[in-house]
């Protein structure tokens, strides 16, 4: 996974963060307390390789867990990630 050094810091970075946890795994964590106003109960994450949009990786976690691990991430590869916070089946 490659970080895009050219883009400005996202306002979401105060709530979400990536952490390398294993050779091919990254953890997406979020601040449950700061995001409590969303009233979300689930987080869905989709990652795809940025250039080819292949090798999709999907993960779902309970919002209260505060983190989800994305596995089988290729080294030195740029990914596009989409995160959806949901309350039941509705995006918040």
PDB file of N, CA and C in Angstrom:
ATOM      1  N   UNK A   1       0.851  -1.160   0.000  1.00  0.00           N
ATOM      2  CA  UNK A   1       0.000   0.000   0.000  1.00  0.00           C
ATOM      3  C   UNK A   1       0.898   1.226   0.000  1.00  0.00           C
ATOM      4  N   UNK A   2       0.619   2.165  -0.874  1.00  0.00           N
ATOM      5  CA  UNK A   2       1.423   3.365  -1.008  1.00  0.00           C
ATOM      6  C   UNK A   2       0.604   4.573  -0.580  1.00  0.00           C
ATOM      7  N   UNK A   3       1.171   5.434   0.236  1.00  0.00           N
ATOM      8  CA  UNK A   3       0.484   6.661   0.625  1.00  0.00           C
ATOM      9  C   UNK A   3       0.717   7.714  -0.444  1.00  0.00           C
ATOM     10  N   UNK A   4      -0.320   8.453  -0.792  1.00  0.00           N
ATOM     11  CA  UNK A   4      -0.217   9.520  -1.776  1.00  0.00           C
ATOM     12  C   UNK A   4       0.362  10.748  -1.084  1.00  0.00           C
ATOM     13  N   UNK A   5       1.616  11.055  -1.363  1.00  0.00           N
ATOM     14  CA  UNK A   5       2.314  12.159  -0.703  1.00  0.00           C
ATOM     15  C   UNK A   5       1.903  13.522  -1.260  1.00  0.00           C
ATOM     16  N   UNK A   6       1.266  13.553  -2.445  1.00  0.00           N
ATOM     17  CA  UNK A   6       0.961  14.821  -3.087  1.00  0.00           C
ATOM     18  C   UNK A   6      -0.356  15.432  -2.629  1.00  0.00           C
ATOM     19  N   UNK A   7      -1.281  14.627  -2.141  1.00  0.00           N
ATOM     20  CA  UNK A   7      -2.578  15.173  -1.769  1.00  0.00           C
ATOM     21  C   UNK A   7      -2.515  15.786  -0.376  1.00  0.00           C
ATOM     22  N   UNK A   8      -3.278  16.847  -0.155  1.00  0.00           N
ATOM     23  CA  UNK A   8      -3.284  17.470   1.170  1.00  0.00           C
ATOM     24  C   UNK A   8      -3.918  16.535   2.194  1.00  0.00           C
ATOM     25  N   UNK A   9      -3.633  16.785   3.437  1.00  0.00           N
ATOM     26  CA  UNK A   9      -4.197  15.978   4.515  1.00  0.00           C
ATOM     27  C   UNK A   9      -5.722  16.078   4.476  1.00  0.00           C
ATOM     28  N   UNK A  10      -6.377  14.947   4.508  1.00  0.00           N
ATOM     29  CA  UNK A  10      -7.829  14.906   4.465  1.00  0.00           C
ATOM     30  C   UNK A  10      -8.409  15.320   5.813  1.00  0.00           C
ATOM     31  N   UNK A  11      -9.552  16.019   5.806  1.00  0.00           N
ATOM     32  CA  UNK A  11     -10.188  16.342   7.082  1.00  0.00           C
ATOM     33  C   UNK A  11     -10.626  15.082   7.830  1.00  0.00           C
ATOM     34  N   UNK A  12     -10.775  13.983   7.114  1.00  0.00           N
ATOM     35  CA  UNK A  12     -11.155  12.725   7.762  1.00  0.00           C
ATOM     36  C   UNK A  12     -10.021  12.125   8.575  1.00  0.00           C
ATOM     37  N   UNK A  13      -8.789  12.600   8.347  1.00  0.00           N
ATOM     38  CA  UNK A  13      -7.644  12.027   9.056  1.00  0.00           C
ATOM     39  C   UNK A  13      -7.699  12.279  10.561  1.00  0.00           C
ATOM     40  N   UNK A  14      -8.520  13.214  10.992  1.00  0.00           N
ATOM     41  CA  UNK A  14      -8.676  13.403  12.434  1.00  0.00           C
ATOM     42  C   UNK A  14      -9.537  12.305  13.049  1.00  0.00           C
ATOM     43  N   UNK A  15     -10.231  11.534  12.214  1.00  0.00           N
ATOM     44  CA  UNK A  15     -11.099  10.464  12.699  1.00  0.00           C
ATOM     45  C   UNK A  15     -10.618   9.066  12.307  1.00  0.00           C
ATOM     46  N   UNK A  16      -9.943   8.966  11.160  1.00  0.00           N
ATOM     47  CA  UNK A  16      -9.532   7.671  10.615  1.00  0.00           C
ATOM     48  C   UNK A  16      -8.021   7.625  10.439  1.00  0.00           C
ATOM     49  N   UNK A  17      -7.433   6.438  10.588  1.00  0.00           N
ATOM     50  CA  UNK A  17      -5.989   6.286  10.402  1.00  0.00           C
ATOM     51  C   UNK A  17      -5.676   4.865   9.925  1.00  0.00           C
ATOM     52  N   UNK A  18      -4.627   4.760   9.125  1.00  0.00           N
ATOM     53  CA  UNK A  18      -4.126   3.466   8.656  1.00  0.00           C
ATOM     54  C   UNK A  18      -2.910   3.085   9.475  1.00  0.00           C
ATOM     55  N   UNK A  19      -2.766   1.792   9.726  1.00  0.00           N
ATOM     56  CA  UNK A  19      -1.609   1.294  10.474  1.00  0.00           C
ATOM     57  C   UNK A  19      -1.180  -0.039   9.868  1.00  0.00           C
ATOM     58  N   UNK A  20       0.113  -0.172   9.591  1.00  0.00           N
ATOM     59  CA  UNK A  20       0.677  -1.411   9.059  1.00  0.00           C
ATOM     60  C   UNK A  20       0.750  -2.427  10.198  1.00  0.00           C
ATOM     61  N   UNK A  21       0.108  -3.595  10.046  1.00  0.00           N
ATOM     62  CA  UNK A  21       0.066  -4.570  11.144  1.00  0.00           C
ATOM     63  C   UNK A  21       0.746  -5.898  10.817  1.00  0.00           C
ATOM     64  N   UNK A  22       0.993  -6.169   9.542  1.00  0.00           N
ATOM     65  CA  UNK A  22       1.652  -7.411   9.118  1.00  0.00           C
ATOM     66  C   UNK A  22       2.197  -7.176   7.713  1.00  0.00           C
ATOM     67  N   UNK A  23       3.024  -8.101   7.205  1.00  0.00           N
ATOM     68  CA  UNK A  23       3.628  -7.867   5.885  1.00  0.00           C
ATOM     69  C   UNK A  23       2.633  -7.494   4.781  1.00  0.00           C
ATOM     70  N   UNK A  24       1.442  -8.063   4.790  1.00  0.00           N
ATOM     71  CA  UNK A  24       0.459  -7.768   3.743  1.00  0.00           C
ATOM     72  C   UNK A  24      -0.878  -7.346   4.338  1.00  0.00           C
ATOM     73  N   UNK A  25      -0.848  -6.730   5.506  1.00  0.00           N
ATOM     74  CA  UNK A  25      -2.084  -6.326   6.181  1.00  0.00           C
ATOM     75  C   UNK A  25      -1.966  -4.918   6.755  1.00  0.00           C
ATOM     76  N   UNK A  26      -3.043  -4.163   6.574  1.00  0.00           N
ATOM     77  CA  UNK A  26      -3.155  -2.826   7.146  1.00  0.00           C
ATOM     78  C   UNK A  26      -4.453  -2.753   7.934  1.00  0.00           C
ATOM     79  N   UNK A  27      -4.408  -1.987   9.004  1.00  0.00           N
ATOM     80  CA  UNK A  27      -5.594  -1.797   9.827  1.00  0.00           C
ATOM     81  C   UNK A  27      -6.114  -0.386   9.618  1.00  0.00           C
ATOM     82  N   UNK A  28      -7.398  -0.276   9.330  1.00  0.00           N
ATOM     83  CA  UNK A  28      -8.057   1.020   9.290  1.00  0.00           C
ATOM     84  C   UNK A  28      -8.754   1.192  10.630  1.00  0.00           C
ATOM     85  N   UNK A  29      -8.336   2.212  11.360  1.00  0.00           N
ATOM     86  CA  UNK A  29      -8.944   2.482  12.658  1.00  0.00           C
ATOM     87  C   UNK A  29      -9.692   3.796  12.628  1.00  0.00           C
ATOM     88  N   UNK A  30     -10.647   3.946  13.534  1.00  0.00           N
ATOM     89  CA  UNK A  30     -11.413   5.182  13.626  1.00  0.00           C
ATOM     90  C   UNK A  30     -11.696   5.494  15.083  1.00  0.00           C
ATOM     91  N   UNK A  31     -11.930   6.773  15.334  1.00  0.00           N
ATOM     92  CA  UNK A  31     -12.197   7.253  16.683  1.00  0.00           C
ATOM     93  C   UNK A  31     -13.689   7.110  16.968  1.00  0.00           C
ATOM     94  N   UNK A  32     -14.048   6.074  17.688  1.00  0.00           N
ATOM     95  CA  UNK A  32     -15.450   5.770  17.973  1.00  0.00           C
ATOM     96  C   UNK A  32     -16.117   6.927  18.716  1.00  0.00           C
ATOM     97  N   UNK A  33     -15.418   7.516  19.668  1.00  0.00           N
ATOM     98  CA  UNK A  33     -16.013   8.599  20.467  1.00  0.00           C
ATOM     99  C   UNK A  33     -16.288   9.847  19.631  1.00  0.00           C
ATOM    100  N   UNK A  34     -15.320  10.259  18.807  1.00  0.00           N
ATOM    101  CA  UNK A  34     -15.501  11.467  17.992  1.00  0.00           C
ATOM    102  C   UNK A  34     -16.577  11.276  16.926  1.00  0.00           C
ATOM    103  N   UNK A  35     -16.800  10.039  16.495  1.00  0.00           N
ATOM    104  CA  UNK A  35     -17.779   9.765  15.439  1.00  0.00           C
ATOM    105  C   UNK A  35     -19.110   9.257  15.986  1.00  0.00           C
ATOM    106  N   UNK A  36     -19.289   9.295  17.285  1.00  0.00           N
ATOM    107  CA  UNK A  36     -20.511   8.766  17.909  1.00  0.00           C
ATOM    108  C   UNK A  36     -21.773   9.445  17.384  1.00  0.00           C
ATOM    109  N   UNK A  37     -21.674  10.714  16.992  1.00  0.00           N
ATOM    110  CA  UNK A  37     -22.852  11.439  16.506  1.00  0.00           C
ATOM    111  C   UNK A  37     -23.412  10.845  15.212  1.00  0.00           C
ATOM    112  N   UNK A  38     -22.609  10.050  14.499  1.00  0.00           N
ATOM    113  CA  UNK A  38     -23.106   9.392  13.289  1.00  0.00           C
ATOM    114  C   UNK A  38     -24.149   8.330  13.614  1.00  0.00           C
ATOM    115  N   UNK A  39     -24.084   7.787  14.812  1.00  0.00           N
ATOM    116  CA  UNK A  39     -24.977   6.708  15.248  1.00  0.00           C
ATOM    117  C   UNK A  39     -24.851   5.486  14.337  1.00  0.00           C
ATOM    118  N   UNK A  40     -23.680   5.290  13.757  1.00  0.00           N
ATOM    119  CA  UNK A  40     -23.445   4.135  12.880  1.00  0.00           C
ATOM    120  C   UNK A  40     -23.296   2.875  13.722  1.00  0.00           C
ATOM    121  N   UNK A  41     -23.675   1.749  13.134  1.00  0.00           N
ATOM    122  CA  UNK A  41     -23.444   0.482  13.826  1.00  0.00           C
ATOM    123  C   UNK A  41     -22.570  -0.456  13.003  1.00  0.00           C
ATOM    124  N   UNK A  42     -22.197  -0.013  11.786  1.00  0.00           N
ATOM    125  CA  UNK A  42     -21.377  -0.858  10.924  1.00  0.00           C
ATOM    126  C   UNK A  42     -20.509   0.011  10.027  1.00  0.00           C
ATOM    127  N   UNK A  43     -19.309  -0.494   9.726  1.00  0.00           N
ATOM    128  CA  UNK A  43     -18.399   0.144   8.773  1.00  0.00           C
ATOM    129  C   UNK A  43     -18.089  -0.883   7.685  1.00  0.00           C
ATOM    130  N   UNK A  44     -18.283  -0.491   6.430  1.00  0.00           N
ATOM    131  CA  UNK A  44     -17.911  -1.326   5.289  1.00  0.00           C
ATOM    132  C   UNK A  44     -16.732  -0.664   4.586  1.00  0.00           C
ATOM    133  N   UNK A  45     -15.703  -1.451   4.260  1.00  0.00           N
ATOM    134  CA  UNK A  45     -14.523  -0.929   3.571  1.00  0.00           C
ATOM    135  C   UNK A  45     -14.300  -1.749   2.304  1.00  0.00           C
ATOM    136  N   UNK A  46     -14.079  -1.064   1.191  1.00  0.00           N
ATOM    137  CA  UNK A  46     -13.743  -1.693  -0.087  1.00  0.00           C
ATOM    138  C   UNK A  46     -12.428  -1.092  -0.547  1.00  0.00           C
ATOM    139  N   UNK A  47     -11.465  -1.939  -0.900  1.00  0.00           N
ATOM    140  CA  UNK A  47     -10.184  -1.487  -1.455  1.00  0.00           C
ATOM    141  C   UNK A  47      -9.964  -2.169  -2.794  1.00  0.00           C
ATOM    142  N   UNK A  48      -9.486  -1.396  -3.785  1.00  0.00           N
ATOM    143  CA  UNK A  48      -9.110  -1.945  -5.087  1.00  0.00           C
ATOM    144  C   UNK A  48      -7.790  -1.316  -5.510  1.00  0.00           C
ATOM    145  N   UNK A  49      -7.061  -2.023  -6.365  1.00  0.00           N
ATOM    146  CA  UNK A  49      -5.811  -1.486  -6.912  1.00  0.00           C
ATOM    147  C   UNK A  49      -6.174  -0.281  -7.774  1.00  0.00           C
ATOM    148  N   UNK A  50      -5.509   0.843  -7.556  1.00  0.00           N
ATOM    149  CA  UNK A  50      -5.874   2.112  -8.192  1.00  0.00           C
ATOM    150  C   UNK A  50      -5.756   2.103  -9.711  1.00  0.00           C
ATOM    151  N   UNK A  51      -4.748   1.477 -10.254  1.00  0.00           N
ATOM    152  CA  UNK A  51      -4.516   1.534 -11.700  1.00  0.00           C
ATOM    153  C   UNK A  51      -5.474   0.625 -12.465  1.00  0.00           C
ATOM    154  N   UNK A  52      -5.681  -0.577 -11.973  1.00  0.00           N
ATOM    155  CA  UNK A  52      -6.467  -1.570 -12.708  1.00  0.00           C
ATOM    156  C   UNK A  52      -7.850  -1.813 -12.121  1.00  0.00           C
ATOM    157  N   UNK A  53      -8.088  -1.320 -10.927  1.00  0.00           N
ATOM    158  CA  UNK A  53      -9.338  -1.540 -10.198  1.00  0.00           C
ATOM    159  C   UNK A  53      -9.656  -3.024 -10.037  1.00  0.00           C
ATOM    160  N   UNK A  54      -8.602  -3.838  -9.920  1.00  0.00           N
ATOM    161  CA  UNK A  54      -8.813  -5.264  -9.696  1.00  0.00           C
ATOM    162  C   UNK A  54      -8.490  -5.626  -8.252  1.00  0.00           C
ATOM    163  N   UNK A  55      -8.602  -6.893  -7.955  1.00  0.00           N
ATOM    164  CA  UNK A  55      -8.314  -7.442  -6.625  1.00  0.00           C
ATOM    165  C   UNK A  55      -9.086  -6.735  -5.518  1.00  0.00           C
ATOM    166  N   UNK A  56     -10.423  -6.666  -5.653  1.00  0.00           N
ATOM    167  CA  UNK A  56     -11.184  -6.000  -4.596  1.00  0.00           C
ATOM    168  C   UNK A  56     -11.091  -6.751  -3.272  1.00  0.00           C
ATOM    169  N   UNK A  57     -10.979  -6.000  -2.209  1.00  0.00           N
ATOM    170  CA  UNK A  57     -10.971  -6.542  -0.857  1.00  0.00           C
ATOM    171  C   UNK A  57     -12.077  -5.842  -0.089  1.00  0.00           C
ATOM    172  N   UNK A  58     -13.010  -6.616   0.455  1.00  0.00           N
ATOM    173  CA  UNK A  58     -14.119  -6.068   1.234  1.00  0.00           C
ATOM    174  C   UNK A  58     -14.013  -6.537   2.667  1.00  0.00           C
ATOM    175  N   UNK A  59     -14.302  -5.656   3.587  1.00  0.00           N
ATOM    176  CA  UNK A  59     -14.365  -6.014   5.002  1.00  0.00           C
ATOM    177  C   UNK A  59     -15.485  -5.214   5.651  1.00  0.00           C
ATOM    178  N   UNK A  60     -16.109  -5.837   6.636  1.00  0.00           N
ATOM    179  CA  UNK A  60     -17.150  -5.194   7.426  1.00  0.00           C
ATOM    180  C   UNK A  60     -16.799  -5.362   8.891  1.00  0.00           C
ATOM    181  N   UNK A  61     -17.040  -4.319   9.679  1.00  0.00           N
ATOM    182  CA  UNK A  61     -16.779  -4.389  11.117  1.00  0.00           C
ATOM    183  C   UNK A  61     -17.884  -3.661  11.867  1.00  0.00           C
ATOM    184  N   UNK A  62     -18.117  -4.095  13.080  1.00  0.00           N
ATOM    185  CA  UNK A  62     -19.016  -3.343  13.952  1.00  0.00           C
ATOM    186  C   UNK A  62     -18.367  -1.999  14.237  1.00  0.00           C
ATOM    187  N   UNK A  63     -19.146  -0.943  14.169  1.00  0.00           N
ATOM    188  CA  UNK A  63     -18.618   0.401  14.382  1.00  0.00           C
ATOM    189  C   UNK A  63     -17.908   0.516  15.723  1.00  0.00           C
ATOM    190  N   UNK A  64     -18.462  -0.113  16.742  1.00  0.00           N
ATOM    191  CA  UNK A  64     -17.910   0.003  18.095  1.00  0.00           C
ATOM    192  C   UNK A  64     -16.533  -0.640  18.240  1.00  0.00           C
ATOM    193  N   UNK A  65     -16.128  -1.498  17.285  1.00  0.00           N
ATOM    194  CA  UNK A  65     -14.800  -2.118  17.334  1.00  0.00           C
ATOM    195  C   UNK A  65     -13.685  -1.096  17.130  1.00  0.00           C
ATOM    196  N   UNK A  66     -13.945  -0.084  16.334  1.00  0.00           N
ATOM    197  CA  UNK A  66     -12.956   0.963  16.108  1.00  0.00           C
ATOM    198  C   UNK A  66     -11.857   0.620  15.126  1.00  0.00           C
ATOM    199  N   UNK A  67     -11.912  -0.562  14.500  1.00  0.00           N
ATOM    200  CA  UNK A  67     -10.863  -0.932  13.538  1.00  0.00           C
ATOM    201  C   UNK A  67     -11.297  -2.130  12.710  1.00  0.00           C
ATOM    202  N   UNK A  68     -10.701  -2.225  11.525  1.00  0.00           N
ATOM    203  CA  UNK A  68     -10.881  -3.389  10.659  1.00  0.00           C
ATOM    204  C   UNK A  68      -9.547  -3.637   9.958  1.00  0.00           C
ATOM    205  N   UNK A  69      -9.166  -4.894   9.799  1.00  0.00           N
ATOM    206  CA  UNK A  69      -7.898  -5.249   9.156  1.00  0.00           C
ATOM    207  C   UNK A  69      -8.158  -5.627   7.702  1.00  0.00           C
ATOM    208  N   UNK A  70      -7.409  -4.982   6.815  1.00  0.00           N
ATOM    209  CA  UNK A  70      -7.469  -5.291   5.387  1.00  0.00           C
ATOM    210  C   UNK A  70      -6.271  -6.174   5.076  1.00  0.00           C
ATOM    211  N   UNK A  71      -6.537  -7.402   4.616  1.00  0.00           N
ATOM    212  CA  UNK A  71      -5.473  -8.376   4.373  1.00  0.00           C
ATOM    213  C   UNK A  71      -5.184  -8.517   2.883  1.00  0.00           C
ATOM    214  N   UNK A  72      -4.093  -9.200   2.575  1.00  0.00           N
ATOM    215  CA  UNK A  72      -3.654  -9.476   1.199  1.00  0.00           C
ATOM    216  C   UNK A  72      -3.395  -8.191   0.414  1.00  0.00           C
ATOM    217  N   UNK A  73      -2.838  -7.193   1.090  1.00  0.00           N
ATOM    218  CA  UNK A  73      -2.490  -5.925   0.452  1.00  0.00           C
ATOM    219  C   UNK A  73      -1.118  -6.079  -0.192  1.00  0.00           C
ATOM    220  N   UNK A  74      -1.028  -5.739  -1.478  1.00  0.00           N
ATOM    221  CA  UNK A  74       0.235  -5.875  -2.209  1.00  0.00           C
ATOM    222  C   UNK A  74       1.199  -4.757  -1.837  1.00  0.00           C
ATOM    223  N   UNK A  75       2.477  -5.093  -1.632  1.00  0.00           N
ATOM    224  CA  UNK A  75       3.457  -4.046  -1.324  1.00  0.00           C
ATOM    225  C   UNK A  75       3.686  -3.131  -2.527  1.00  0.00           C
ATOM    226  N   UNK A  76       4.049  -1.901  -2.258  1.00  0.00           N
ATOM    227  CA  UNK A  76       4.372  -0.899  -3.291  1.00  0.00           C
ATOM    228  C   UNK A  76       3.269  -0.760  -4.330  1.00  0.00           C
ATOM    229  N   UNK A  77       2.027  -0.815  -3.894  1.00  0.00           N
ATOM    230  CA  UNK A  77       0.878  -0.722  -4.786  1.00  0.00           C
ATOM    231  C   UNK A  77      -0.077   0.340  -4.253  1.00  0.00           C
ATOM    232  N   UNK A  78      -0.523   1.223  -5.139  1.00  0.00           N
ATOM    233  CA  UNK A  78      -1.467   2.257  -4.754  1.00  0.00           C
ATOM    234  C   UNK A  78      -2.880   1.686  -4.790  1.00  0.00           C
ATOM    235  N   UNK A  79      -3.633   1.914  -3.729  1.00  0.00           N
ATOM    236  CA  UNK A  79      -5.009   1.439  -3.627  1.00  0.00           C
ATOM    237  C   UNK A  79      -5.972   2.615  -3.513  1.00  0.00           C
ATOM    238  N   UNK A  80      -7.191   2.368  -3.947  1.00  0.00           N
ATOM    239  CA  UNK A  80      -8.305   3.276  -3.703  1.00  0.00           C
ATOM    240  C   UNK A  80      -9.178   2.576  -2.672  1.00  0.00           C
ATOM    241  N   UNK A  81      -9.531   3.304  -1.621  1.00  0.00           N
ATOM    242  CA  UNK A  81     -10.367   2.719  -0.572  1.00  0.00           C
ATOM    243  C   UNK A  81     -11.645   3.533  -0.427  1.00  0.00           C
ATOM    244  N   UNK A  82     -12.743   2.820  -0.220  1.00  0.00           N
ATOM    245  CA  UNK A  82     -14.024   3.475   0.050  1.00  0.00           C
ATOM    246  C   UNK A  82     -14.553   2.946   1.371  1.00  0.00           C
ATOM    247  N   UNK A  83     -14.985   3.847   2.197  1.00  0.00           N
ATOM    248  CA  UNK A  83     -15.515   3.492   3.502  1.00  0.00           C
ATOM    249  C   UNK A  83     -16.952   3.985   3.581  1.00  0.00           C
ATOM    250  N   UNK A  84     -17.841   3.117   4.026  1.00  0.00           N
ATOM    251  CA  UNK A  84     -19.229   3.506   4.252  1.00  0.00           C
ATOM    252  C   UNK A  84     -19.573   3.245   5.704  1.00  0.00           C
ATOM    253  N   UNK A  85     -20.089   4.271   6.379  1.00  0.00           N
ATOM    254  CA  UNK A  85     -20.614   4.107   7.733  1.00  0.00           C
ATOM    255  C   UNK A  85     -22.118   3.901   7.593  1.00  0.00           C
ATOM    256  N   UNK A  86     -22.628   2.864   8.241  1.00  0.00           N
ATOM    257  CA  UNK A  86     -24.045   2.534   8.099  1.00  0.00           C
ATOM    258  C   UNK A  86     -24.735   2.393   9.445  1.00  0.00           C
ATOM    259  N   UNK A  87     -25.981   2.789   9.470  1.00  0.00           N
ATOM    260  CA  UNK A  87     -26.865   2.491  10.595  1.00  0.00           C
ATOM    261  C   UNK A  87     -27.905   1.554  10.021  1.00  0.00           C
ATOM    262  N   UNK A  88     -27.860   0.317  10.461  1.00  0.00           N
ATOM    263  CA  UNK A  88     -28.645  -0.755   9.867  1.00  0.00           C
ATOM    264  C   UNK A  88     -28.241  -0.856   8.395  1.00  0.00           C
ATOM    265  N   UNK A  89     -29.115  -0.565   7.443  1.00  0.00           N
ATOM    266  CA  UNK A  89     -28.737  -0.674   6.028  1.00  0.00           C
ATOM    267  C   UNK A  89     -28.653   0.688   5.342  1.00  0.00           C
ATOM    268  N   UNK A  90     -28.678   1.763   6.118  1.00  0.00           N
ATOM    269  CA  UNK A  90     -28.681   3.115   5.569  1.00  0.00           C
ATOM    270  C   UNK A  90     -27.336   3.791   5.808  1.00  0.00           C
ATOM    271  N   UNK A  91     -26.762   4.383   4.738  1.00  0.00           N
ATOM    272  CA  UNK A  91     -25.506   5.124   4.884  1.00  0.00           C
ATOM    273  C   UNK A  91     -25.749   6.380   5.707  1.00  0.00           C
ATOM    274  N   UNK A  92     -24.783   6.664   6.588  1.00  0.00           N
ATOM    275  CA  UNK A  92     -24.883   7.884   7.406  1.00  0.00           C
ATOM    276  C   UNK A  92     -23.722   8.810   7.102  1.00  0.00           C
TER     277      UNK A  92
END
